[in-house]
Structure formats: C-alpha cells, structure tokens
Amino acid sequence: MLVSISRFEESGAELEEGIRHVLEEVVPSIRGAEGLQAAFWAVDREAGTRISILVWDSPEAPAAAMPAVVDAIKQRRADAGRTNPQAPPTGTERFEVVARI
C-alpha cells in the first residue's frame, strides 16, 4: 500500500480556486479510480496550505490510474471554459504503508 501526499502553498483567490478545482474537477475525476483505497483533501486557510492525501493499493496503482484521471480533469476544465492549467503542487511525497488499523 502507498500513500501520496501533495502540498499546495497558495493564498487568497489562488487558495479558493484550488478548493474549487478539487471539488468540481478532481473529486469527480478520481472517484472510482482503479487501485484508489481512500482520498482526503484538506485546507488550512490561515496558513494558505492545501494538502491532498491519496491511499493506493500498490506503488504501481497511481501510474496506472492517473493518466485517465488527468485527462478527465482537463476535459472538465475545458468544458467549463477554463483554459489555464491548475497550479502544480509545491511538493509531493510518497510513503509505503507499514501498518494500519
């Protein structure tokens, strides 16, 4: 099992756009992705930080699932008339899960 944590450092309108992006584009696009066990998105508005936590069946699962997810996100953006790409994460880390309850 693998956990991927992405961090986004944003402020003001960028932060609100990031939240909108997650709710309207990311969540519907990744829901049901093969190998995705769980997903969480959280925000600290005071600090201007968003995080994305994705839990995958295996280290190979994200590579297999994410191309279709990214295509679906791009299509949702295009359908909504948004031409600018969403800002990439400030950083992403991956961890092997060694225990869980």
PDB file of N, CA and C in Angstrom:
ATOM      1  N   MET A   1       0.849  -1.169   0.000  1.00  0.00           N
ATOM      2  CA  MET A   1       0.000   0.000   0.000  1.00  0.00           C
ATOM      3  C   MET A   1       0.893   1.229   0.000  1.00  0.00           C
ATOM      4  N   LEU A   2       0.419   2.293  -0.653  1.00  0.00           N
ATOM      5  CA  LEU A   2       1.188   3.520  -0.814  1.00  0.00           C
ATOM      6  C   LEU A   2       0.319   4.723  -0.460  1.00  0.00           C
ATOM      7  N   VAL A   3       0.910   5.694   0.223  1.00  0.00           N
ATOM      8  CA  VAL A   3       0.245   6.965   0.496  1.00  0.00           C
ATOM      9  C   VAL A   3       1.021   8.058  -0.218  1.00  0.00           C
ATOM     10  N   SER A   4       0.296   8.884  -0.950  1.00  0.00           N
ATOM     11  CA  SER A   4       0.882  10.026  -1.638  1.00  0.00           C
ATOM     12  C   SER A   4       0.299  11.300  -1.025  1.00  0.00           C
ATOM     13  N   ILE A   5       1.178  12.213  -0.618  1.00  0.00           N
ATOM     14  CA  ILE A   5       0.747  13.473  -0.021  1.00  0.00           C
ATOM     15  C   ILE A   5       1.302  14.616  -0.858  1.00  0.00           C
ATOM     16  N   SER A   6       0.396  15.430  -1.387  1.00  0.00           N
ATOM     17  CA  SER A   6       0.795  16.605  -2.163  1.00  0.00           C
ATOM     18  C   SER A   6       0.417  17.848  -1.376  1.00  0.00           C
ATOM     19  N   ARG A   7       1.291  18.840  -1.436  1.00  0.00           N
ATOM     20  CA  ARG A   7       1.101  20.086  -0.690  1.00  0.00           C
ATOM     21  C   ARG A   7       1.039  21.241  -1.682  1.00  0.00           C
ATOM     22  N   PHE A   8       0.133  22.170  -1.415  1.00  0.00           N
ATOM     23  CA  PHE A   8      -0.037  23.356  -2.252  1.00  0.00           C
ATOM     24  C   PHE A   8       0.035  24.583  -1.348  1.00  0.00           C
ATOM     25  N   GLU A   9       0.916  25.512  -1.651  1.00  0.00           N
ATOM     26  CA  GLU A   9       1.043  26.764  -0.900  1.00  0.00           C
ATOM     27  C   GLU A   9       0.393  27.854  -1.745  1.00  0.00           C
ATOM     28  N   GLU A  10      -0.719  28.408  -1.249  1.00  0.00           N
ATOM     29  CA  GLU A  10      -1.487  29.389  -2.014  1.00  0.00           C
ATOM     30  C   GLU A  10      -2.050  30.430  -1.048  1.00  0.00           C
ATOM     31  N   SER A  11      -2.569  31.497  -1.607  1.00  0.00           N
ATOM     32  CA  SER A  11      -3.213  32.498  -0.758  1.00  0.00           C
ATOM     33  C   SER A  11      -4.383  33.127  -1.507  1.00  0.00           C
ATOM     34  N   GLY A  12      -5.310  33.678  -0.740  1.00  0.00           N
ATOM     35  CA  GLY A  12      -6.427  34.424  -1.303  1.00  0.00           C
ATOM     36  C   GLY A  12      -7.176  33.694  -2.396  1.00  0.00           C
ATOM     37  N   ALA A  13      -7.268  34.351  -3.547  1.00  0.00           N
ATOM     38  CA  ALA A  13      -8.019  33.815  -4.682  1.00  0.00           C
ATOM     39  C   ALA A  13      -7.421  32.505  -5.188  1.00  0.00           C
ATOM     40  N   GLU A  14      -6.103  32.359  -5.124  1.00  0.00           N
ATOM     41  CA  GLU A  14      -5.468  31.103  -5.559  1.00  0.00           C
ATOM     42  C   GLU A  14      -5.931  29.938  -4.703  1.00  0.00           C
ATOM     43  N   LEU A  15      -6.010  30.167  -3.402  1.00  0.00           N
ATOM     44  CA  LEU A  15      -6.447  29.120  -2.478  1.00  0.00           C
ATOM     45  C   LEU A  15      -7.893  28.736  -2.765  1.00  0.00           C
ATOM     46  N   GLU A  16      -8.741  29.725  -2.940  1.00  0.00           N
ATOM     47  CA  GLU A  16     -10.151  29.453  -3.241  1.00  0.00           C
ATOM     48  C   GLU A  16     -10.297  28.740  -4.583  1.00  0.00           C
ATOM     49  N   GLU A  17      -9.490  29.102  -5.564  1.00  0.00           N
ATOM     50  CA  GLU A  17      -9.515  28.417  -6.861  1.00  0.00           C
ATOM     51  C   GLU A  17      -9.057  26.979  -6.699  1.00  0.00           C
ATOM     52  N   GLY A  18      -8.066  26.746  -5.853  1.00  0.00           N
ATOM     53  CA  GLY A  18      -7.600  25.386  -5.596  1.00  0.00           C
ATOM     54  C   GLY A  18      -8.686  24.525  -4.975  1.00  0.00           C
ATOM     55  N   ILE A  19      -9.438  25.097  -4.057  1.00  0.00           N
ATOM     56  CA  ILE A  19     -10.541  24.367  -3.422  1.00  0.00           C
ATOM     57  C   ILE A  19     -11.622  24.068  -4.458  1.00  0.00           C
ATOM     58  N   ARG A  20     -11.969  25.053  -5.270  1.00  0.00           N
ATOM     59  CA  ARG A  20     -12.967  24.839  -6.317  1.00  0.00           C
ATOM     60  C   ARG A  20     -12.501  23.736  -7.265  1.00  0.00           C
ATOM     61  N   HIS A  21     -11.240  23.789  -7.638  1.00  0.00           N
ATOM     62  CA  HIS A  21     -10.648  22.784  -8.534  1.00  0.00           C
ATOM     63  C   HIS A  21     -10.819  21.374  -7.951  1.00  0.00           C
ATOM     64  N   VAL A  22     -10.527  21.216  -6.678  1.00  0.00           N
ATOM     65  CA  VAL A  22     -10.669  19.906  -6.029  1.00  0.00           C
ATOM     66  C   VAL A  22     -12.125  19.440  -6.074  1.00  0.00           C
ATOM     67  N   LEU A  23     -13.032  20.315  -5.641  1.00  0.00           N
ATOM     68  CA  LEU A  23     -14.440  19.931  -5.525  1.00  0.00           C
ATOM     69  C   LEU A  23     -15.101  19.669  -6.873  1.00  0.00           C
ATOM     70  N   GLU A  24     -14.808  20.493  -7.870  1.00  0.00           N
ATOM     71  CA  GLU A  24     -15.507  20.403  -9.145  1.00  0.00           C
ATOM     72  C   GLU A  24     -14.798  19.566 -10.202  1.00  0.00           C
ATOM     73  N   GLU A  25     -13.474  19.419 -10.085  1.00  0.00           N
ATOM     74  CA  GLU A  25     -12.728  18.738 -11.136  1.00  0.00           C
ATOM     75  C   GLU A  25     -12.013  17.475 -10.654  1.00  0.00           C
ATOM     76  N   VAL A  26     -11.312  17.575  -9.535  1.00  0.00           N
ATOM     77  CA  VAL A  26     -10.503  16.443  -9.080  1.00  0.00           C
ATOM     78  C   VAL A  26     -11.375  15.324  -8.522  1.00  0.00           C
ATOM     79  N   VAL A  27     -12.225  15.646  -7.543  1.00  0.00           N
ATOM     80  CA  VAL A  27     -13.023  14.598  -6.890  1.00  0.00           C
ATOM     81  C   VAL A  27     -13.860  13.809  -7.899  1.00  0.00           C
ATOM     82  N   PRO A  28     -14.624  14.479  -8.789  1.00  0.00           N
ATOM     83  CA  PRO A  28     -15.407  13.685  -9.745  1.00  0.00           C
ATOM     84  C   PRO A  28     -14.538  12.882 -10.719  1.00  0.00           C
ATOM     85  N   SER A  29     -13.336  13.369 -10.994  1.00  0.00           N
ATOM     86  CA  SER A  29     -12.462  12.691 -11.959  1.00  0.00           C
ATOM     87  C   SER A  29     -11.737  11.493 -11.371  1.00  0.00           C
ATOM     88  N   ILE A  30     -11.438  11.540 -10.072  1.00  0.00           N
ATOM     89  CA  ILE A  30     -10.668  10.450  -9.458  1.00  0.00           C
ATOM     90  C   ILE A  30     -11.558   9.414  -8.779  1.00  0.00           C
ATOM     91  N   ARG A  31     -12.817   9.800  -8.525  1.00  0.00           N
ATOM     92  CA  ARG A  31     -13.739   8.861  -7.861  1.00  0.00           C
ATOM     93  C   ARG A  31     -13.798   7.551  -8.658  1.00  0.00           C
ATOM     94  N   GLY A  32     -13.581   6.445  -7.977  1.00  0.00           N
ATOM     95  CA  GLY A  32     -13.647   5.138  -8.625  1.00  0.00           C
ATOM     96  C   GLY A  32     -12.382   4.726  -9.357  1.00  0.00           C
ATOM     97  N   ALA A  33     -11.310   5.503  -9.233  1.00  0.00           N
ATOM     98  CA  ALA A  33     -10.059   5.145  -9.916  1.00  0.00           C
ATOM     99  C   ALA A  33      -9.566   3.784  -9.433  1.00  0.00           C
ATOM    100  N   GLU A  34      -9.130   2.983 -10.362  1.00  0.00           N
ATOM    101  CA  GLU A  34      -8.619   1.645 -10.057  1.00  0.00           C
ATOM    102  C   GLU A  34      -7.442   1.740  -9.093  1.00  0.00           C
ATOM    103  N   GLY A  35      -7.526   1.015  -7.986  1.00  0.00           N
ATOM    104  CA  GLY A  35      -6.433   0.966  -7.028  1.00  0.00           C
ATOM    105  C   GLY A  35      -6.464   2.046  -5.959  1.00  0.00           C
ATOM    106  N   LEU A  36      -7.413   2.976  -6.030  1.00  0.00           N
ATOM    107  CA  LEU A  36      -7.504   4.032  -5.028  1.00  0.00           C
ATOM    108  C   LEU A  36      -8.323   3.538  -3.842  1.00  0.00           C
ATOM    109  N   GLN A  37      -7.701   3.458  -2.681  1.00  0.00           N
ATOM    110  CA  GLN A  37      -8.362   2.983  -1.460  1.00  0.00           C
ATOM    111  C   GLN A  37      -9.128   4.098  -0.759  1.00  0.00           C
ATOM    112  N   ALA A  38      -8.509   5.283  -0.692  1.00  0.00           N
ATOM    113  CA  ALA A  38      -9.115   6.423   0.005  1.00  0.00           C
ATOM    114  C   ALA A  38      -8.441   7.693  -0.491  1.00  0.00           C
ATOM    115  N   ALA A  39      -9.147   8.815  -0.323  1.00  0.00           N
ATOM    116  CA  ALA A  39      -8.585  10.107  -0.698  1.00  0.00           C
ATOM    117  C   ALA A  39      -9.139  11.173   0.237  1.00  0.00           C
ATOM    118  N   PHE A  40      -8.271  12.097   0.611  1.00  0.00           N
ATOM    119  CA  PHE A  40      -8.642  13.193   1.500  1.00  0.00           C
ATOM    120  C   PHE A  40      -8.024  14.476   0.970  1.00  0.00           C
ATOM    121  N   TRP A  41      -8.773  15.560   1.053  1.00  0.00           N
ATOM    122  CA  TRP A  41      -8.268  16.877   0.695  1.00  0.00           C
ATOM    123  C   TRP A  41      -8.554  17.783   1.875  1.00  0.00           C
ATOM    124  N   ALA A  42      -7.567  18.518   2.315  1.00  0.00           N
ATOM    125  CA  ALA A  42      -7.721  19.365   3.493  1.00  0.00           C
ATOM    126  C   ALA A  42      -7.078  20.725   3.220  1.00  0.00           C
ATOM    127  N   VAL A  43      -7.568  21.723   3.957  1.00  0.00           N
ATOM    128  CA  VAL A  43      -7.063  23.082   3.767  1.00  0.00           C
ATOM    129  C   VAL A  43      -6.847  23.749   5.122  1.00  0.00           C
ATOM    130  N   ASP A  44      -5.783  24.523   5.222  1.00  0.00           N
ATOM    131  CA  ASP A  44      -5.546  25.424   6.343  1.00  0.00           C
ATOM    132  C   ASP A  44      -5.599  26.823   5.744  1.00  0.00           C
ATOM    133  N   ARG A  45      -6.744  27.461   5.834  1.00  0.00           N
ATOM    134  CA  ARG A  45      -6.940  28.771   5.199  1.00  0.00           C
ATOM    135  C   ARG A  45      -6.015  29.833   5.781  1.00  0.00           C
ATOM    136  N   GLU A  46      -5.761  29.792   7.090  1.00  0.00           N
ATOM    137  CA  GLU A  46      -4.882  30.784   7.704  1.00  0.00           C
ATOM    138  C   GLU A  46      -3.456  30.688   7.175  1.00  0.00           C
ATOM    139  N   ALA A  47      -2.971  29.470   7.023  1.00  0.00           N
ATOM    140  CA  ALA A  47      -1.599  29.260   6.547  1.00  0.00           C
ATOM    141  C   ALA A  47      -1.499  29.286   5.027  1.00  0.00           C
ATOM    142  N   GLY A  48      -2.638  29.210   4.324  1.00  0.00           N
ATOM    143  CA  GLY A  48      -2.611  29.181   2.865  1.00  0.00           C
ATOM    144  C   GLY A  48      -2.058  27.876   2.323  1.00  0.00           C
ATOM    145  N   THR A  49      -2.455  26.783   2.953  1.00  0.00           N
ATOM    146  CA  THR A  49      -1.946  25.471   2.572  1.00  0.00           C
ATOM    147  C   THR A  49      -3.094  24.510   2.298  1.00  0.00           C
ATOM    148  N   ARG A  50      -2.974  23.781   1.199  1.00  0.00           N
ATOM    149  CA  ARG A  50      -3.887  22.676   0.904  1.00  0.00           C
ATOM    150  C   ARG A  50      -3.046  21.416   0.841  1.00  0.00           C
ATOM    151  N   ILE A  51      -3.636  20.297   1.236  1.00  0.00           N
ATOM    152  CA  ILE A  51      -2.970  19.014   1.049  1.00  0.00           C
ATOM    153  C   ILE A  51      -3.942  18.019   0.418  1.00  0.00           C
ATOM    154  N   SER A  52      -3.367  17.111  -0.298  1.00  0.00           N
ATOM    155  CA  SER A  52      -4.090  16.005  -0.919  1.00  0.00           C
ATOM    156  C   SER A  52      -3.432  14.729  -0.424  1.00  0.00           C
ATOM    157  N   ILE A  53      -4.232  13.822   0.126  1.00  0.00           N
ATOM    158  CA  ILE A  53      -3.718  12.554   0.627  1.00  0.00           C
ATOM    159  C   ILE A  53      -4.439  11.435  -0.113  1.00  0.00           C
ATOM    160  N   LEU A  54      -3.690  10.663  -0.880  1.00  0.00           N
ATOM    161  CA  LEU A  54      -4.255   9.565  -1.656  1.00  0.00           C
ATOM    162  C   LEU A  54      -3.647   8.253  -1.176  1.00  0.00           C
ATOM    163  N   VAL A  55      -4.505   7.271  -0.925  1.00  0.00           N
ATOM    164  CA  VAL A  55      -4.068   5.965  -0.456  1.00  0.00           C
ATOM    165  C   VAL A  55      -4.324   4.960  -1.575  1.00  0.00           C
ATOM    166  N   TRP A  56      -3.267   4.322  -2.036  1.00  0.00           N
ATOM    167  CA  TRP A  56      -3.334   3.410  -3.179  1.00  0.00           C
ATOM    168  C   TRP A  56      -3.041   1.976  -2.758  1.00  0.00           C
ATOM    169  N   ASP A  57      -3.601   1.019  -3.506  1.00  0.00           N
ATOM    170  CA  ASP A  57      -3.369  -0.410  -3.265  1.00  0.00           C
ATOM    171  C   ASP A  57      -1.898  -0.794  -3.335  1.00  0.00           C
ATOM    172  N   SER A  58      -1.192  -0.197  -4.286  1.00  0.00           N
ATOM    173  CA  SER A  58       0.190  -0.595  -4.552  1.00  0.00           C
ATOM    174  C   SER A  58       0.965   0.594  -5.110  1.00  0.00           C
ATOM    175  N   PRO A  59       2.297   0.497  -5.132  1.00  0.00           N
ATOM    176  CA  PRO A  59       3.097   1.572  -5.725  1.00  0.00           C
ATOM    177  C   PRO A  59       2.824   1.773  -7.223  1.00  0.00           C
ATOM    178  N   GLU A  60       2.347   0.739  -7.890  1.00  0.00           N
ATOM    179  CA  GLU A  60       2.086   0.830  -9.333  1.00  0.00           C
ATOM    180  C   GLU A  60       0.721   1.450  -9.648  1.00  0.00           C
ATOM    181  N   ALA A  61      -0.193   1.433  -8.694  1.00  0.00           N
ATOM    182  CA  ALA A  61      -1.564   1.886  -8.939  1.00  0.00           C
ATOM    183  C   ALA A  61      -1.674   3.335  -9.407  1.00  0.00           C
ATOM    184  N   PRO A  62      -0.948   4.293  -8.809  1.00  0.00           N
ATOM    185  CA  PRO A  62      -1.089   5.669  -9.290  1.00  0.00           C
ATOM    186  C   PRO A  62      -0.660   5.842 -10.742  1.00  0.00           C
ATOM    187  N   ALA A  63       0.433   5.191 -11.123  1.00  0.00           N
ATOM    188  CA  ALA A  63       0.916   5.308 -12.503  1.00  0.00           C
ATOM    189  C   ALA A  63      -0.105   4.757 -13.491  1.00  0.00           C
ATOM    190  N   ALA A  64      -0.813   3.719 -13.093  1.00  0.00           N
ATOM    191  CA  ALA A  64      -1.820   3.124 -13.972  1.00  0.00           C
ATOM    192  C   ALA A  64      -3.087   3.973 -14.035  1.00  0.00           C
ATOM    193  N   ALA A  65      -3.492   4.568 -12.919  1.00  0.00           N
ATOM    194  CA  ALA A  65      -4.772   5.279 -12.857  1.00  0.00           C
ATOM    195  C   ALA A  65      -4.692   6.755 -13.234  1.00  0.00           C
ATOM    196  N   MET A  66      -3.605   7.420 -12.911  1.00  0.00           N
ATOM    197  CA  MET A  66      -3.568   8.873 -13.022  1.00  0.00           C
ATOM    198  C   MET A  66      -3.641   9.438 -14.451  1.00  0.00           C
ATOM    199  N   PRO A  67      -3.122   8.779 -15.469  1.00  0.00           N
ATOM    200  CA  PRO A  67      -3.290   9.362 -16.809  1.00  0.00           C
ATOM    201  C   PRO A  67      -4.760   9.592 -17.177  1.00  0.00           C
ATOM    202  N   ALA A  68      -5.628   8.640 -16.880  1.00  0.00           N
ATOM    203  CA  ALA A  68      -7.056   8.806 -17.178  1.00  0.00           C
ATOM    204  C   ALA A  68      -7.676   9.879 -16.288  1.00  0.00           C
ATOM    205  N   VAL A  69      -7.233   9.959 -15.036  1.00  0.00           N
ATOM    206  CA  VAL A  69      -7.737  10.980 -14.116  1.00  0.00           C
ATOM    207  C   VAL A  69      -7.351  12.365 -14.623  1.00  0.00           C
ATOM    208  N   VAL A  70      -6.099  12.537 -15.008  1.00  0.00           N
ATOM    209  CA  VAL A  70      -5.629  13.832 -15.523  1.00  0.00           C
ATOM    210  C   VAL A  70      -6.396  14.217 -16.784  1.00  0.00           C
ATOM    211  N   ASP A  71      -6.617  13.267 -17.672  1.00  0.00           N
ATOM    212  CA  ASP A  71      -7.402  13.552 -18.890  1.00  0.00           C
ATOM    213  C   ASP A  71      -8.818  14.003 -18.536  1.00  0.00           C
ATOM    214  N   ALA A  72      -9.434  13.343 -17.549  1.00  0.00           N
ATOM    215  CA  ALA A  72     -10.794  13.708 -17.131  1.00  0.00           C
ATOM    216  C   ALA A  72     -10.819  15.114 -16.524  1.00  0.00           C
ATOM    217  N   ILE A  73      -9.807  15.449 -15.746  1.00  0.00           N
ATOM    218  CA  ILE A  73      -9.721  16.798 -15.161  1.00  0.00           C
ATOM    219  C   ILE A  73      -9.587  17.831 -16.272  1.00  0.00           C
ATOM    220  N   LYS A  74      -8.701  17.582 -17.228  1.00  0.00           N
ATOM    221  CA  LYS A  74      -8.521  18.516 -18.347  1.00  0.00           C
ATOM    222  C   LYS A  74      -9.823  18.697 -19.124  1.00  0.00           C
ATOM    223  N   GLN A  75     -10.559  17.616 -19.315  1.00  0.00           N
ATOM    224  CA  GLN A  75     -11.823  17.705 -20.037  1.00  0.00           C
ATOM    225  C   GLN A  75     -12.841  18.529 -19.259  1.00  0.00           C
ATOM    226  N   ARG A  76     -12.919  18.322 -17.957  1.00  0.00           N
ATOM    227  CA  ARG A  76     -13.836  19.113 -17.122  1.00  0.00           C
ATOM    228  C   ARG A  76     -13.473  20.596 -17.175  1.00  0.00           C
ATOM    229  N   ARG A  77     -12.164  20.905 -17.146  1.00  0.00           N
ATOM    230  CA  ARG A  77     -11.730  22.300 -17.236  1.00  0.00           C
ATOM    231  C   ARG A  77     -12.112  22.896 -18.580  1.00  0.00           C
ATOM    232  N   ALA A  78     -11.880  22.144 -19.639  1.00  0.00           N
ATOM    233  CA  ALA A  78     -12.219  22.627 -20.979  1.00  0.00           C
ATOM    234  C   ALA A  78     -13.719  22.836 -21.122  1.00  0.00           C
ATOM    235  N   ASP A  79     -14.497  21.896 -20.617  1.00  0.00           N
ATOM    236  CA  ASP A  79     -15.958  22.014 -20.689  1.00  0.00           C
ATOM    237  C   ASP A  79     -16.469  23.248 -19.954  1.00  0.00           C
ATOM    238  N   ALA A  80     -15.745  23.654 -18.907  1.00  0.00           N
ATOM    239  CA  ALA A  80     -16.132  24.827 -18.123  1.00  0.00           C
ATOM    240  C   ALA A  80     -15.527  26.117 -18.678  1.00  0.00           C
ATOM    241  N   GLY A  81     -14.761  25.996 -19.757  1.00  0.00           N
ATOM    242  CA  GLY A  81     -14.157  27.177 -20.372  1.00  0.00           C
ATOM    243  C   GLY A  81     -12.906  27.671 -19.659  1.00  0.00           C
ATOM    244  N   ARG A  82     -12.310  26.845 -18.850  1.00  0.00           N
ATOM    245  CA  ARG A  82     -11.072  27.225 -18.153  1.00  0.00           C
ATOM    246  C   ARG A  82      -9.889  26.785 -19.002  1.00  0.00           C
ATOM    247  N   THR A  83      -9.120  27.736 -19.463  1.00  0.00           N
ATOM    248  CA  THR A  83      -8.014  27.411 -20.365  1.00  0.00           C
ATOM    249  C   THR A  83      -6.669  27.328 -19.647  1.00  0.00           C
ATOM    250  N   ASN A  84      -6.545  27.963 -18.495  1.00  0.00           N
ATOM    251  CA  ASN A  84      -5.279  27.920 -17.762  1.00  0.00           C
ATOM    252  C   ASN A  84      -5.186  26.626 -16.959  1.00  0.00           C
ATOM    253  N   PRO A  85      -4.023  25.980 -16.981  1.00  0.00           N
ATOM    254  CA  PRO A  85      -3.871  24.769 -16.170  1.00  0.00           C
ATOM    255  C   PRO A  85      -3.844  25.120 -14.685  1.00  0.00           C
ATOM    256  N   GLN A  86      -4.238  24.190 -13.862  1.00  0.00           N
ATOM    257  CA  GLN A  86      -4.187  24.371 -12.408  1.00  0.00           C
ATOM    258  C   GLN A  86      -2.730  24.348 -11.963  1.00  0.00           C
ATOM    259  N   ALA A  87      -2.405  25.125 -10.962  1.00  0.00           N
ATOM    260  CA  ALA A  87      -1.029  25.169 -10.446  1.00  0.00           C
ATOM    261  C   ALA A  87      -0.615  23.801  -9.906  1.00  0.00           C
ATOM    262  N   PRO A  88       0.619  23.394 -10.179  1.00  0.00           N
ATOM    263  CA  PRO A  88       1.096  22.105  -9.658  1.00  0.00           C
ATOM    264  C   PRO A  88       1.369  22.192  -8.158  1.00  0.00           C
ATOM    265  N   PRO A  89       1.501  21.053  -7.501  1.00  0.00           N
ATOM    266  CA  PRO A  89       1.805  21.070  -6.068  1.00  0.00           C
ATOM    267  C   PRO A  89       3.177  21.660  -5.790  1.00  0.00           C
ATOM    268  N   THR A  90       3.322  22.223  -4.600  1.00  0.00           N
ATOM    269  CA  THR A  90       4.612  22.723  -4.131  1.00  0.00           C
ATOM    270  C   THR A  90       5.557  21.541  -3.896  1.00  0.00           C
ATOM    271  N   GLY A  91       4.987  20.437  -3.461  1.00  0.00           N
ATOM    272  CA  GLY A  91       5.774  19.233  -3.231  1.00  0.00           C
ATOM    273  C   GLY A  91       4.889  18.015  -3.077  1.00  0.00           C
ATOM    274  N   THR A  92       5.431  16.871  -3.420  1.00  0.00           N
ATOM    275  CA  THR A  92       4.716  15.606  -3.279  1.00  0.00           C
ATOM    276  C   THR A  92       5.659  14.583  -2.662  1.00  0.00           C
ATOM    277  N   GLU A  93       5.127  13.832  -1.707  1.00  0.00           N
ATOM    278  CA  GLU A  93       5.890  12.772  -1.073  1.00  0.00           C
ATOM    279  C   GLU A  93       5.098  11.480  -1.167  1.00  0.00           C
ATOM    280  N   ARG A  94       5.813  10.369  -1.216  1.00  0.00           N
ATOM    281  CA  ARG A  94       5.182   9.047  -1.256  1.00  0.00           C
ATOM    282  C   ARG A  94       5.761   8.199  -0.144  1.00  0.00           C
ATOM    283  N   PHE A  95       4.861   7.463   0.506  1.00  0.00           N
ATOM    284  CA  PHE A  95       5.257   6.644   1.640  1.00  0.00           C
ATOM    285  C   PHE A  95       4.673   5.244   1.489  1.00  0.00           C
ATOM    286  N   GLU A  96       5.469   4.241   1.806  1.00  0.00           N
ATOM    287  CA  GLU A  96       4.998   2.884   1.892  1.00  0.00           C
ATOM    288  C   GLU A  96       4.281   2.716   3.232  1.00  0.00           C
ATOM    289  N   VAL A  97       3.101   2.163   3.219  1.00  0.00           N
ATOM    290  CA  VAL A  97       2.348   1.911   4.449  1.00  0.00           C
ATOM    291  C   VAL A  97       2.903   0.633   5.079  1.00  0.00           C
ATOM    292  N   VAL A  98       3.323   0.741   6.337  1.00  0.00           N
ATOM    293  CA  VAL A  98       3.878  -0.417   7.021  1.00  0.00           C
ATOM    294  C   VAL A  98       2.937  -0.972   8.075  1.00  0.00           C
ATOM    295  N   ALA A  99       1.917  -0.209   8.459  1.00  0.00           N
ATOM    296  CA  ALA A  99       0.922  -0.687   9.424  1.00  0.00           C
ATOM    297  C   ALA A  99      -0.323   0.177   9.282  1.00  0.00           C
ATOM    298  N   ARG A 100      -1.473  -0.429   9.634  1.00  0.00           N
ATOM    299  CA  ARG A 100      -2.728   0.337   9.638  1.00  0.00           C
ATOM    300  C   ARG A 100      -3.720  -0.325  10.571  1.00  0.00           C
ATOM    301  N   ILE A 101      -4.714   0.429  11.009  1.00  0.00           N
ATOM    302  CA  ILE A 101      -5.776  -0.133  11.848  1.00  0.00           C
ATOM    303  C   ILE A 101      -7.122   0.224  11.257  1.00  0.00           C
TER     304      ILE A 101
END
